[in-house]
Amino acid sequence: LRPEGTVVEMSWYGDREVSVPLGAGFHSGRLAIRASQVGMVAP
């Protein structure tokens, strides 16, 4: 991502735990992670 870019998370991990790197440049870059799931029509 560029600064202030967005990741749209579409993966379904089931029962697996996933670590997300929220250190380093995540906050200084003002990055965003947005969930998307087909179970509901997008807002």
PDB file of all heavy atoms in Angstrom:
ATOM      1  N   LEU A   1       0.808  -1.223   0.000  1.00  0.00           N
ATOM      2  CA  LEU A   1       0.000   0.000   0.000  1.00  0.00           C
ATOM      3  C   LEU A   1       0.839   1.270   0.000  1.00  0.00           C
ATOM      4  O   LEU A   1       1.919   1.322   0.573  1.00  0.00           O
ATOM      5  CB  LEU A   1      -0.907   0.029   1.225  1.00  0.00           C
ATOM      6  CG  LEU A   1      -2.062  -0.955   1.280  1.00  0.00           C
ATOM      7  CD1 LEU A   1      -2.777  -0.839   2.617  1.00  0.00           C
ATOM      8  CD2 LEU A   1      -3.045  -0.728   0.130  1.00  0.00           C
ATOM      9  N   ARG A   2       0.290   2.310  -0.596  1.00  0.00           N
ATOM     10  CA  ARG A   2       0.806   3.668  -0.402  1.00  0.00           C
ATOM     11  C   ARG A   2       0.290   4.177   0.944  1.00  0.00           C
ATOM     12  O   ARG A   2      -0.599   3.567   1.543  1.00  0.00           O
ATOM     13  CB  ARG A   2       0.305   4.573  -1.516  1.00  0.00           C
ATOM     14  CG  ARG A   2      -1.227   4.699  -1.549  1.00  0.00           C
ATOM     15  CD  ARG A   2      -1.666   5.953  -2.284  1.00  0.00           C
ATOM     16  NE  ARG A   2      -3.103   5.983  -2.483  1.00  0.00           N
ATOM     17  CZ  ARG A   2      -4.002   6.351  -1.571  1.00  0.00           C
ATOM     18  NH1 ARG A   2      -3.617   6.677  -0.337  1.00  0.00           N
ATOM     19  NH2 ARG A   2      -5.288   6.388  -1.869  1.00  0.00           N
ATOM     20  N   PRO A   3       0.828   5.294   1.447  1.00  0.00           N
ATOM     21  CA  PRO A   3       0.258   5.872   2.666  1.00  0.00           C
ATOM     22  C   PRO A   3      -1.246   6.133   2.508  1.00  0.00           C
ATOM     23  O   PRO A   3      -1.700   6.603   1.461  1.00  0.00           O
ATOM     24  CB  PRO A   3       1.037   7.191   2.835  1.00  0.00           C
ATOM     25  CG  PRO A   3       2.350   6.901   2.180  1.00  0.00           C
ATOM     26  CD  PRO A   3       2.032   6.033   1.003  1.00  0.00           C
ATOM     27  N   GLU A   4      -2.009   5.784   3.535  1.00  0.00           N
ATOM     28  CA  GLU A   4      -3.460   5.936   3.583  1.00  0.00           C
ATOM     29  C   GLU A   4      -4.183   5.033   2.580  1.00  0.00           C
ATOM     30  O   GLU A   4      -5.335   5.278   2.241  1.00  0.00           O
ATOM     31  CB  GLU A   4      -3.877   7.401   3.425  1.00  0.00           C
ATOM     32  CG  GLU A   4      -3.304   8.292   4.526  1.00  0.00           C
ATOM     33  CD  GLU A   4      -3.905   9.682   4.572  1.00  0.00           C
ATOM     34  OE1 GLU A   4      -4.366  10.166   3.528  1.00  0.00           O
ATOM     35  OE2 GLU A   4      -3.898  10.269   5.666  1.00  0.00           O
ATOM     36  N   GLY A   5      -3.520   3.983   2.131  1.00  0.00           N
ATOM     37  CA  GLY A   5      -4.158   2.999   1.272  1.00  0.00           C
ATOM     38  C   GLY A   5      -4.973   2.002   2.085  1.00  0.00           C
ATOM     39  O   GLY A   5      -4.901   1.957   3.319  1.00  0.00           O
ATOM     40  N   THR A   6      -5.757   1.182   1.377  1.00  0.00           N
ATOM     41  CA  THR A   6      -6.680   0.254   2.032  1.00  0.00           C
ATOM     42  C   THR A   6      -6.500  -1.170   1.512  1.00  0.00           C
ATOM     43  O   THR A   6      -6.388  -1.381   0.303  1.00  0.00           O
ATOM     44  CB  THR A   6      -8.144   0.679   1.788  1.00  0.00           C
ATOM     45  OG1 THR A   6      -8.361   1.965   2.373  1.00  0.00           O
ATOM     46  CG2 THR A   6      -9.122  -0.315   2.392  1.00  0.00           C
ATOM     47  N   VAL A   7      -6.466  -2.126   2.445  1.00  0.00           N
ATOM     48  CA  VAL A   7      -6.562  -3.544   2.104  1.00  0.00           C
ATOM     49  C   VAL A   7      -7.998  -3.988   2.347  1.00  0.00           C
ATOM     50  O   VAL A   7      -8.544  -3.780   3.435  1.00  0.00           O
ATOM     51  CB  VAL A   7      -5.606  -4.406   2.961  1.00  0.00           C
ATOM     52  CG1 VAL A   7      -5.951  -5.897   2.809  1.00  0.00           C
ATOM     53  CG2 VAL A   7      -4.166  -4.169   2.555  1.00  0.00           C
ATOM     54  N   VAL A   8      -8.609  -4.580   1.332  1.00  0.00           N
ATOM     55  CA  VAL A   8      -9.933  -5.187   1.468  1.00  0.00           C
ATOM     56  C   VAL A   8      -9.715  -6.678   1.709  1.00  0.00           C
ATOM     57  O   VAL A   8      -9.238  -7.392   0.829  1.00  0.00           O
ATOM     58  CB  VAL A   8     -10.804  -4.954   0.220  1.00  0.00           C
ATOM     59  CG1 VAL A   8     -12.173  -5.606   0.398  1.00  0.00           C
ATOM     60  CG2 VAL A   8     -10.944  -3.464  -0.062  1.00  0.00           C
ATOM     61  N   GLU A   9     -10.006  -7.131   2.918  1.00  0.00           N
ATOM     62  CA  GLU A   9      -9.758  -8.515   3.315  1.00  0.00           C
ATOM     63  C   GLU A   9     -10.962  -9.373   2.937  1.00  0.00           C
ATOM     64  O   GLU A   9     -12.060  -9.237   3.485  1.00  0.00           O
ATOM     65  CB  GLU A   9      -9.494  -8.587   4.813  1.00  0.00           C
ATOM     66  CG  GLU A   9      -9.306 -10.005   5.342  1.00  0.00           C
ATOM     67  CD  GLU A   9      -8.186 -10.761   4.642  1.00  0.00           C
ATOM     68  OE1 GLU A   9      -8.465 -11.363   3.592  1.00  0.00           O
ATOM     69  OE2 GLU A   9      -7.053 -10.741   5.151  1.00  0.00           O
ATOM     70  N   MET A  10     -10.747 -10.277   1.956  1.00  0.00           N
ATOM     71  CA  MET A  10     -11.813 -11.147   1.468  1.00  0.00           C
ATOM     72  C   MET A  10     -11.621 -12.598   1.883  1.00  0.00           C
ATOM     73  O   MET A  10     -12.473 -13.440   1.600  1.00  0.00           O
ATOM     74  CB  MET A  10     -11.886 -11.061  -0.063  1.00  0.00           C
ATOM     75  CG  MET A  10     -12.103  -9.660  -0.594  1.00  0.00           C
ATOM     76  SD  MET A  10     -12.242  -9.639  -2.392  1.00  0.00           S
ATOM     77  CE  MET A  10     -13.795 -10.500  -2.607  1.00  0.00           C
ATOM     78  N   SER A  11     -10.505 -12.907   2.527  1.00  0.00           N
ATOM     79  CA  SER A  11     -10.190 -14.295   2.859  1.00  0.00           C
ATOM     80  C   SER A  11     -11.047 -14.794   4.018  1.00  0.00           C
ATOM     81  O   SER A  11     -11.396 -14.043   4.925  1.00  0.00           O
ATOM     82  CB  SER A  11      -8.712 -14.429   3.237  1.00  0.00           C
ATOM     83  OG  SER A  11      -7.878 -14.044   2.174  1.00  0.00           O
ATOM     84  N   TRP A  12     -11.347 -16.083   3.962  1.00  0.00           N
ATOM     85  CA  TRP A  12     -12.033 -16.750   5.074  1.00  0.00           C
ATOM     86  C   TRP A  12     -11.049 -17.771   5.635  1.00  0.00           C
ATOM     87  O   TRP A  12     -10.640 -18.707   4.951  1.00  0.00           O
ATOM     88  CB  TRP A  12     -13.302 -17.407   4.588  1.00  0.00           C
ATOM     89  CG  TRP A  12     -13.972 -18.330   5.558  1.00  0.00           C
ATOM     90  CD1 TRP A  12     -14.243 -19.651   5.378  1.00  0.00           C
ATOM     91  CD2 TRP A  12     -14.450 -18.009   6.861  1.00  0.00           C
ATOM     92  NE1 TRP A  12     -14.861 -20.174   6.483  1.00  0.00           N
ATOM     93  CE2 TRP A  12     -14.997 -19.191   7.414  1.00  0.00           C
ATOM     94  CE3 TRP A  12     -14.453 -16.843   7.634  1.00  0.00           C
ATOM     95  CZ2 TRP A  12     -15.543 -19.235   8.689  1.00  0.00           C
ATOM     96  CZ3 TRP A  12     -15.000 -16.882   8.895  1.00  0.00           C
ATOM     97  CH2 TRP A  12     -15.546 -18.066   9.406  1.00  0.00           C
ATOM     98  N   TYR A  13     -10.660 -17.607   6.889  1.00  0.00           N
ATOM     99  CA  TYR A  13      -9.615 -18.416   7.493  1.00  0.00           C
ATOM    100  C   TYR A  13     -10.145 -19.594   8.307  1.00  0.00           C
ATOM    101  O   TYR A  13      -9.360 -20.386   8.828  1.00  0.00           O
ATOM    102  CB  TYR A  13      -8.736 -17.544   8.401  1.00  0.00           C
ATOM    103  CG  TYR A  13      -8.017 -16.445   7.658  1.00  0.00           C
ATOM    104  CD1 TYR A  13      -8.553 -15.170   7.592  1.00  0.00           C
ATOM    105  CD2 TYR A  13      -6.808 -16.694   7.010  1.00  0.00           C
ATOM    106  CE1 TYR A  13      -7.902 -14.149   6.906  1.00  0.00           C
ATOM    107  CE2 TYR A  13      -6.147 -15.680   6.326  1.00  0.00           C
ATOM    108  CZ  TYR A  13      -6.701 -14.411   6.282  1.00  0.00           C
ATOM    109  OH  TYR A  13      -6.047 -13.410   5.601  1.00  0.00           O
ATOM    110  N   GLY A  14     -11.458 -19.703   8.442  1.00  0.00           N
ATOM    111  CA  GLY A  14     -12.003 -20.810   9.220  1.00  0.00           C
ATOM    112  C   GLY A  14     -11.582 -20.727  10.667  1.00  0.00           C
ATOM    113  O   GLY A  14     -11.750 -19.703  11.325  1.00  0.00           O
ATOM    114  N   ASP A  15     -10.984 -21.808  11.186  1.00  0.00           N
ATOM    115  CA  ASP A  15     -10.590 -21.843  12.596  1.00  0.00           C
ATOM    116  C   ASP A  15      -9.123 -21.467  12.815  1.00  0.00           C
ATOM    117  O   ASP A  15      -8.594 -21.642  13.907  1.00  0.00           O
ATOM    118  CB  ASP A  15     -10.871 -23.224  13.191  1.00  0.00           C
ATOM    119  CG  ASP A  15     -10.158 -24.348  12.436  1.00  0.00           C
ATOM    120  OD1 ASP A  15      -9.444 -24.054  11.450  1.00  0.00           O
ATOM    121  OD2 ASP A  15     -10.332 -25.513  12.827  1.00  0.00           O
ATOM    122  N   ARG A  16      -8.465 -20.934  11.777  1.00  0.00           N
ATOM    123  CA  ARG A  16      -7.061 -20.545  11.931  1.00  0.00           C
ATOM    124  C   ARG A  16      -6.939 -19.127  12.475  1.00  0.00           C
ATOM    125  O   ARG A  16      -7.684 -18.239  12.075  1.00  0.00           O
ATOM    126  CB  ARG A  16      -6.341 -20.610  10.580  1.00  0.00           C
ATOM    127  CG  ARG A  16      -6.078 -22.014  10.067  1.00  0.00           C
ATOM    128  CD  ARG A  16      -5.406 -21.960   8.708  1.00  0.00           C
ATOM    129  NE  ARG A  16      -6.296 -21.418   7.702  1.00  0.00           N
ATOM    130  CZ  ARG A  16      -5.913 -20.673   6.664  1.00  0.00           C
ATOM    131  NH1 ARG A  16      -4.640 -20.351   6.523  1.00  0.00           N
ATOM    132  NH2 ARG A  16      -6.786 -20.241   5.779  1.00  0.00           N
ATOM    133  N   GLU A  17      -5.980 -18.907  13.380  1.00  0.00           N
ATOM    134  CA  GLU A  17      -5.675 -17.571  13.867  1.00  0.00           C
ATOM    135  C   GLU A  17      -4.616 -16.945  12.967  1.00  0.00           C
ATOM    136  O   GLU A  17      -3.682 -17.615  12.527  1.00  0.00           O
ATOM    137  CB  GLU A  17      -5.186 -17.622  15.310  1.00  0.00           C
ATOM    138  CG  GLU A  17      -6.268 -18.052  16.298  1.00  0.00           C
ATOM    139  CD  GLU A  17      -5.825 -17.874  17.742  1.00  0.00           C
ATOM    140  OE1 GLU A  17      -4.683 -17.382  17.952  1.00  0.00           O
ATOM    141  OE2 GLU A  17      -6.602 -18.229  18.632  1.00  0.00           O
ATOM    142  N   VAL A  18      -4.774 -15.646  12.706  1.00  0.00           N
ATOM    143  CA  VAL A  18      -3.877 -14.940  11.800  1.00  0.00           C
ATOM    144  C   VAL A  18      -3.323 -13.711  12.516  1.00  0.00           C
ATOM    145  O   VAL A  18      -4.071 -12.940  13.123  1.00  0.00           O
ATOM    146  CB  VAL A  18      -4.623 -14.506  10.524  1.00  0.00           C
ATOM    147  CG1 VAL A  18      -3.716 -13.667   9.630  1.00  0.00           C
ATOM    148  CG2 VAL A  18      -5.129 -15.734   9.760  1.00  0.00           C
ATOM    149  N   SER A  19      -2.004 -13.538  12.443  1.00  0.00           N
ATOM    150  CA  SER A  19      -1.362 -12.357  13.025  1.00  0.00           C
ATOM    151  C   SER A  19      -1.314 -11.231  11.994  1.00  0.00           C
ATOM    152  O   SER A  19      -0.937 -11.458  10.842  1.00  0.00           O
ATOM    153  CB  SER A  19       0.061 -12.685  13.481  1.00  0.00           C
ATOM    154  OG  SER A  19       0.035 -13.657  14.519  1.00  0.00           O
ATOM    155  N   VAL A  20      -1.693 -10.037  12.415  1.00  0.00           N
ATOM    156  CA  VAL A  20      -1.692  -8.876  11.528  1.00  0.00           C
ATOM    157  C   VAL A  20      -0.621  -7.904  12.021  1.00  0.00           C
ATOM    158  O   VAL A  20      -0.627  -7.513  13.190  1.00  0.00           O
ATOM    159  CB  VAL A  20      -3.065  -8.169  11.521  1.00  0.00           C
ATOM    160  CG1 VAL A  20      -3.054  -6.992  10.552  1.00  0.00           C
ATOM    161  CG2 VAL A  20      -4.161  -9.147  11.151  1.00  0.00           C
ATOM    162  N   PRO A  21       0.326  -7.508  11.157  1.00  0.00           N
ATOM    163  CA  PRO A  21       1.401  -6.602  11.586  1.00  0.00           C
ATOM    164  C   PRO A  21       0.917  -5.161  11.717  1.00  0.00           C
ATOM    165  O   PRO A  21       0.871  -4.412  10.742  1.00  0.00           O
ATOM    166  CB  PRO A  21       2.443  -6.747  10.470  1.00  0.00           C
ATOM    167  CG  PRO A  21       1.636  -7.109   9.255  1.00  0.00           C
ATOM    168  CD  PRO A  21       0.490  -7.927   9.755  1.00  0.00           C
ATOM    169  N   LEU A  22       0.554  -4.781  12.913  1.00  0.00           N
ATOM    170  CA  LEU A  22       0.053  -3.432  13.155  1.00  0.00           C
ATOM    171  C   LEU A  22       1.130  -2.509  13.719  1.00  0.00           C
ATOM    172  O   LEU A  22       0.831  -1.373  14.105  1.00  0.00           O
ATOM    173  CB  LEU A  22      -1.150  -3.476  14.114  1.00  0.00           C
ATOM    174  CG  LEU A  22      -2.334  -4.311  13.639  1.00  0.00           C
ATOM    175  CD1 LEU A  22      -3.473  -4.222  14.645  1.00  0.00           C
ATOM    176  CD2 LEU A  22      -2.804  -3.862  12.259  1.00  0.00           C
ATOM    177  N   GLY A  23       2.383  -2.989  13.749  1.00  0.00           N
ATOM    178  CA  GLY A  23       3.500  -2.137  14.155  1.00  0.00           C
ATOM    179  C   GLY A  23       4.120  -1.488  12.935  1.00  0.00           C
ATOM    180  O   GLY A  23       3.462  -1.259  11.921  1.00  0.00           O
ATOM    181  N   ALA A  24       5.424  -1.235  13.015  1.00  0.00           N
ATOM    182  CA  ALA A  24       6.192  -0.648  11.903  1.00  0.00           C
ATOM    183  C   ALA A  24       5.438   0.554  11.325  1.00  0.00           C
ATOM    184  O   ALA A  24       5.090   1.484  12.040  1.00  0.00           O
ATOM    185  CB  ALA A  24       6.478  -1.707  10.845  1.00  0.00           C
ATOM    186  N   GLY A  25       5.154   0.531  10.016  1.00  0.00           N
ATOM    187  CA  GLY A  25       4.556   1.700   9.372  1.00  0.00           C
ATOM    188  C   GLY A  25       3.047   1.690   9.298  1.00  0.00           C
ATOM    189  O   GLY A  25       2.466   2.530   8.598  1.00  0.00           O
ATOM    190  N   PHE A  26       2.388   0.785  10.015  1.00  0.00           N
ATOM    191  CA  PHE A  26       0.922   0.697   9.894  1.00  0.00           C
ATOM    192  C   PHE A  26       0.258   2.006  10.332  1.00  0.00           C
ATOM    193  O   PHE A  26      -0.560   2.578   9.605  1.00  0.00           O
ATOM    194  CB  PHE A  26       0.375  -0.467  10.711  1.00  0.00           C
ATOM    195  CG  PHE A  26      -1.114  -0.633  10.600  1.00  0.00           C
ATOM    196  CD1 PHE A  26      -1.677  -1.265   9.508  1.00  0.00           C
ATOM    197  CD2 PHE A  26      -1.955  -0.123  11.585  1.00  0.00           C
ATOM    198  CE1 PHE A  26      -3.055  -1.405   9.387  1.00  0.00           C
ATOM    199  CE2 PHE A  26      -3.339  -0.264  11.483  1.00  0.00           C
ATOM    200  CZ  PHE A  26      -3.882  -0.904  10.382  1.00  0.00           C
ATOM    201  N   HIS A  27       0.624   2.507  11.512  1.00  0.00           N
ATOM    202  CA  HIS A  27      -0.028   3.720  12.018  1.00  0.00           C
ATOM    203  C   HIS A  27       0.520   4.979  11.343  1.00  0.00           C
ATOM    204  O   HIS A  27      -0.253   5.882  10.991  1.00  0.00           O
ATOM    205  CB  HIS A  27       0.116   3.816  13.538  1.00  0.00           C
ATOM    206  CG  HIS A  27      -0.772   2.853  14.268  1.00  0.00           C
ATOM    207  ND1 HIS A  27      -2.123   3.038  14.398  1.00  0.00           N
ATOM    208  CD2 HIS A  27      -0.498   1.680  14.885  1.00  0.00           C
ATOM    209  CE1 HIS A  27      -2.651   2.035  15.075  1.00  0.00           C
ATOM    210  NE2 HIS A  27      -1.683   1.187  15.376  1.00  0.00           N
ATOM    211  N   SER A  28       1.834   5.056  11.159  1.00  0.00           N
ATOM    212  CA  SER A  28       2.394   6.258  10.535  1.00  0.00           C
ATOM    213  C   SER A  28       1.908   6.402   9.096  1.00  0.00           C
ATOM    214  O   SER A  28       1.759   7.518   8.589  1.00  0.00           O
ATOM    215  CB  SER A  28       3.925   6.208  10.572  1.00  0.00           C
ATOM    216  OG  SER A  28       4.417   5.098   9.837  1.00  0.00           O
ATOM    217  N   GLY A  29       1.652   5.259   8.439  1.00  0.00           N
ATOM    218  CA  GLY A  29       1.123   5.297   7.088  1.00  0.00           C
ATOM    219  C   GLY A  29      -0.384   5.426   7.023  1.00  0.00           C
ATOM    220  O   GLY A  29      -0.951   5.530   5.930  1.00  0.00           O
ATOM    221  N   ARG A  30      -1.047   5.406   8.193  1.00  0.00           N
ATOM    222  CA  ARG A  30      -2.499   5.517   8.281  1.00  0.00           C
ATOM    223  C   ARG A  30      -3.186   4.505   7.350  1.00  0.00           C
ATOM    224  O   ARG A  30      -4.096   4.830   6.590  1.00  0.00           O
ATOM    225  CB  ARG A  30      -2.959   6.943   7.963  1.00  0.00           C
ATOM    226  CG  ARG A  30      -2.459   7.976   8.969  1.00  0.00           C
ATOM    227  CD  ARG A  30      -2.885   9.395   8.594  1.00  0.00           C
ATOM    228  NE  ARG A  30      -4.339   9.487   8.465  1.00  0.00           N
ATOM    229  CZ  ARG A  30      -5.175   9.701   9.494  1.00  0.00           C
ATOM    230  NH1 ARG A  30      -4.683   9.814  10.738  1.00  0.00           N
ATOM    231  NH2 ARG A  30      -6.457   9.817   9.285  1.00  0.00           N
ATOM    232  N   LEU A  31      -2.710   3.262   7.420  1.00  0.00           N
ATOM    233  CA  LEU A  31      -3.251   2.215   6.566  1.00  0.00           C
ATOM    234  C   LEU A  31      -4.590   1.711   7.114  1.00  0.00           C
ATOM    235  O   LEU A  31      -4.898   1.874   8.304  1.00  0.00           O
ATOM    236  CB  LEU A  31      -2.268   1.049   6.461  1.00  0.00           C
ATOM    237  CG  LEU A  31      -0.860   1.407   5.980  1.00  0.00           C
ATOM    238  CD1 LEU A  31       0.000   0.151   5.887  1.00  0.00           C
ATOM    239  CD2 LEU A  31      -0.903   2.141   4.646  1.00  0.00           C
ATOM    240  N   ALA A  32      -5.372   1.097   6.248  1.00  0.00           N
ATOM    241  CA  ALA A  32      -6.688   0.599   6.646  1.00  0.00           C
ATOM    242  C   ALA A  32      -6.867  -0.834   6.181  1.00  0.00           C
ATOM    243  O   ALA A  32      -6.385  -1.217   5.106  1.00  0.00           O
ATOM    244  CB  ALA A  32      -7.799   1.478   6.077  1.00  0.00           C
ATOM    245  N   ILE A  33      -7.548  -1.632   7.002  1.00  0.00           N
ATOM    246  CA  ILE A  33      -7.953  -2.982   6.619  1.00  0.00           C
ATOM    247  C   ILE A  33      -9.472  -3.040   6.727  1.00  0.00           C
ATOM    248  O   ILE A  33     -10.036  -2.726   7.779  1.00  0.00           O
ATOM    249  CB  ILE A  33      -7.340  -4.058   7.532  1.00  0.00           C
ATOM    250  CG1 ILE A  33      -5.825  -3.978   7.514  1.00  0.00           C
ATOM    251  CG2 ILE A  33      -7.797  -5.449   7.088  1.00  0.00           C
ATOM    252  CD1 ILE A  33      -5.152  -4.906   8.506  1.00  0.00           C
ATOM    253  N   ARG A  34     -10.111  -3.411   5.644  1.00  0.00           N
ATOM    254  CA  ARG A  34     -11.571  -3.439   5.606  1.00  0.00           C
ATOM    255  C   ARG A  34     -12.049  -4.837   5.262  1.00  0.00           C
ATOM    256  O   ARG A  34     -11.594  -5.441   4.289  1.00  0.00           O
ATOM    257  CB  ARG A  34     -12.094  -2.442   4.576  1.00  0.00           C
ATOM    258  CG  ARG A  34     -13.606  -2.432   4.465  1.00  0.00           C
ATOM    259  CD  ARG A  34     -14.094  -1.272   3.647  1.00  0.00           C
ATOM    260  NE  ARG A  34     -15.544  -1.183   3.686  1.00  0.00           N
ATOM    261  CZ  ARG A  34     -16.235  -0.130   3.285  1.00  0.00           C
ATOM    262  NH1 ARG A  34     -15.598   0.929   2.818  1.00  0.00           N
ATOM    263  NH2 ARG A  34     -17.547  -0.116   3.352  1.00  0.00           N
ATOM    264  N   ALA A  35     -12.965  -5.374   6.059  1.00  0.00           N
ATOM    265  CA  ALA A  35     -13.526  -6.693   5.783  1.00  0.00           C
ATOM    266  C   ALA A  35     -14.592  -6.592   4.704  1.00  0.00           C
ATOM    267  O   ALA A  35     -15.350  -5.622   4.630  1.00  0.00           O
ATOM    268  CB  ALA A  35     -14.133  -7.281   7.059  1.00  0.00           C
ATOM    269  N   SER A  36     -14.655  -7.625   3.852  1.00  0.00           N
ATOM    270  CA  SER A  36     -15.721  -7.747   2.867  1.00  0.00           C
ATOM    271  C   SER A  36     -16.197  -9.184   2.869  1.00  0.00           C
ATOM    272  O   SER A  36     -15.389 -10.115   2.779  1.00  0.00           O
ATOM    273  CB  SER A  36     -15.218  -7.360   1.468  1.00  0.00           C
ATOM    274  OG  SER A  36     -16.262  -7.448   0.526  1.00  0.00           O
ATOM    275  N   GLN A  37     -17.493  -9.374   2.991  1.00  0.00           N
ATOM    276  CA  GLN A  37     -18.055 -10.724   3.066  1.00  0.00           C
ATOM    277  C   GLN A  37     -19.402 -10.721   2.383  1.00  0.00           C
ATOM    278  O   GLN A  37     -20.193  -9.786   2.536  1.00  0.00           O
ATOM    279  CB  GLN A  37     -18.179 -11.157   4.533  1.00  0.00           C
ATOM    280  CG  GLN A  37     -18.173 -12.666   4.753  1.00  0.00           C
ATOM    281  CD  GLN A  37     -19.553 -13.280   4.644  1.00  0.00           C
ATOM    282  OE1 GLN A  37     -20.551 -12.602   4.767  1.00  0.00           O
ATOM    283  NE2 GLN A  37     -19.594 -14.585   4.409  1.00  0.00           N
ATOM    284  N   VAL A  38     -19.672 -11.771   1.592  1.00  0.00           N
ATOM    285  CA  VAL A  38     -20.836 -11.780   0.714  1.00  0.00           C
ATOM    286  C   VAL A  38     -22.142 -12.086   1.443  1.00  0.00           C
ATOM    287  O   VAL A  38     -23.218 -11.964   0.864  1.00  0.00           O
ATOM    288  CB  VAL A  38     -20.587 -12.792  -0.438  1.00  0.00           C
ATOM    289  CG1 VAL A  38     -20.716 -14.229   0.081  1.00  0.00           C
ATOM    290  CG2 VAL A  38     -21.503 -12.535  -1.621  1.00  0.00           C
ATOM    291  N   GLY A  39     -22.080 -12.465   2.723  1.00  0.00           N
ATOM    292  CA  GLY A  39     -23.284 -12.839   3.458  1.00  0.00           C
ATOM    293  C   GLY A  39     -24.313 -11.730   3.568  1.00  0.00           C
ATOM    294  O   GLY A  39     -25.493 -11.998   3.781  1.00  0.00           O
ATOM    295  N   MET A  40     -23.873 -10.471   3.452  1.00  0.00           N
ATOM    296  CA  MET A  40     -24.783  -9.331   3.447  1.00  0.00           C
ATOM    297  C   MET A  40     -24.441  -8.440   2.264  1.00  0.00           C
ATOM    298  O   MET A  40     -23.285  -8.375   1.833  1.00  0.00           O
ATOM    299  CB  MET A  40     -24.679  -8.524   4.747  1.00  0.00           C
ATOM    300  CG  MET A  40     -25.049  -9.301   5.994  1.00  0.00           C
ATOM    301  SD  MET A  40     -24.959  -8.287   7.497  1.00  0.00           S
ATOM    302  CE  MET A  40     -26.381  -7.199   7.238  1.00  0.00           C
ATOM    303  N   VAL A  41     -25.430  -7.757   1.705  1.00  0.00           N
ATOM    304  CA  VAL A  41     -25.174  -6.792   0.645  1.00  0.00           C
ATOM    305  C   VAL A  41     -24.359  -5.648   1.241  1.00  0.00           C
ATOM    306  O   VAL A  41     -24.626  -5.182   2.351  1.00  0.00           O
ATOM    307  CB  VAL A  41     -26.490  -6.261   0.044  1.00  0.00           C
ATOM    308  CG1 VAL A  41     -26.223  -5.160  -0.977  1.00  0.00           C
ATOM    309  CG2 VAL A  41     -27.267  -7.403  -0.605  1.00  0.00           C
ATOM    310  N   ALA A  42     -23.336  -5.211   0.513  1.00  0.00           N
ATOM    311  CA  ALA A  42     -22.449  -4.153   1.000  1.00  0.00           C
ATOM    312  C   ALA A  42     -23.254  -2.923   1.419  1.00  0.00           C
ATOM    313  O   ALA A  42     -24.252  -2.571   0.775  1.00  0.00           O
ATOM    314  CB  ALA A  42     -21.442  -3.780  -0.080  1.00  0.00           C
ATOM    315  N   PRO A  43     -22.844  -2.249   2.505  1.00  0.00           N
ATOM    316  CA  PRO A  43     -23.593  -1.083   2.998  1.00  0.00           C
ATOM    317  C   PRO A  43     -23.872  -0.024   1.930  1.00  0.00           C
ATOM    318  O   PRO A  43     -24.928   0.600   1.939  1.00  0.00           O
ATOM    319  CB  PRO A  43     -22.692  -0.530   4.109  1.00  0.00           C
ATOM    320  CG  PRO A  43     -21.929  -1.718   4.597  1.00  0.00           C
ATOM    321  CD  PRO A  43     -21.697  -2.575   3.381  1.00  0.00           C
TER     322      PRO A  43
END
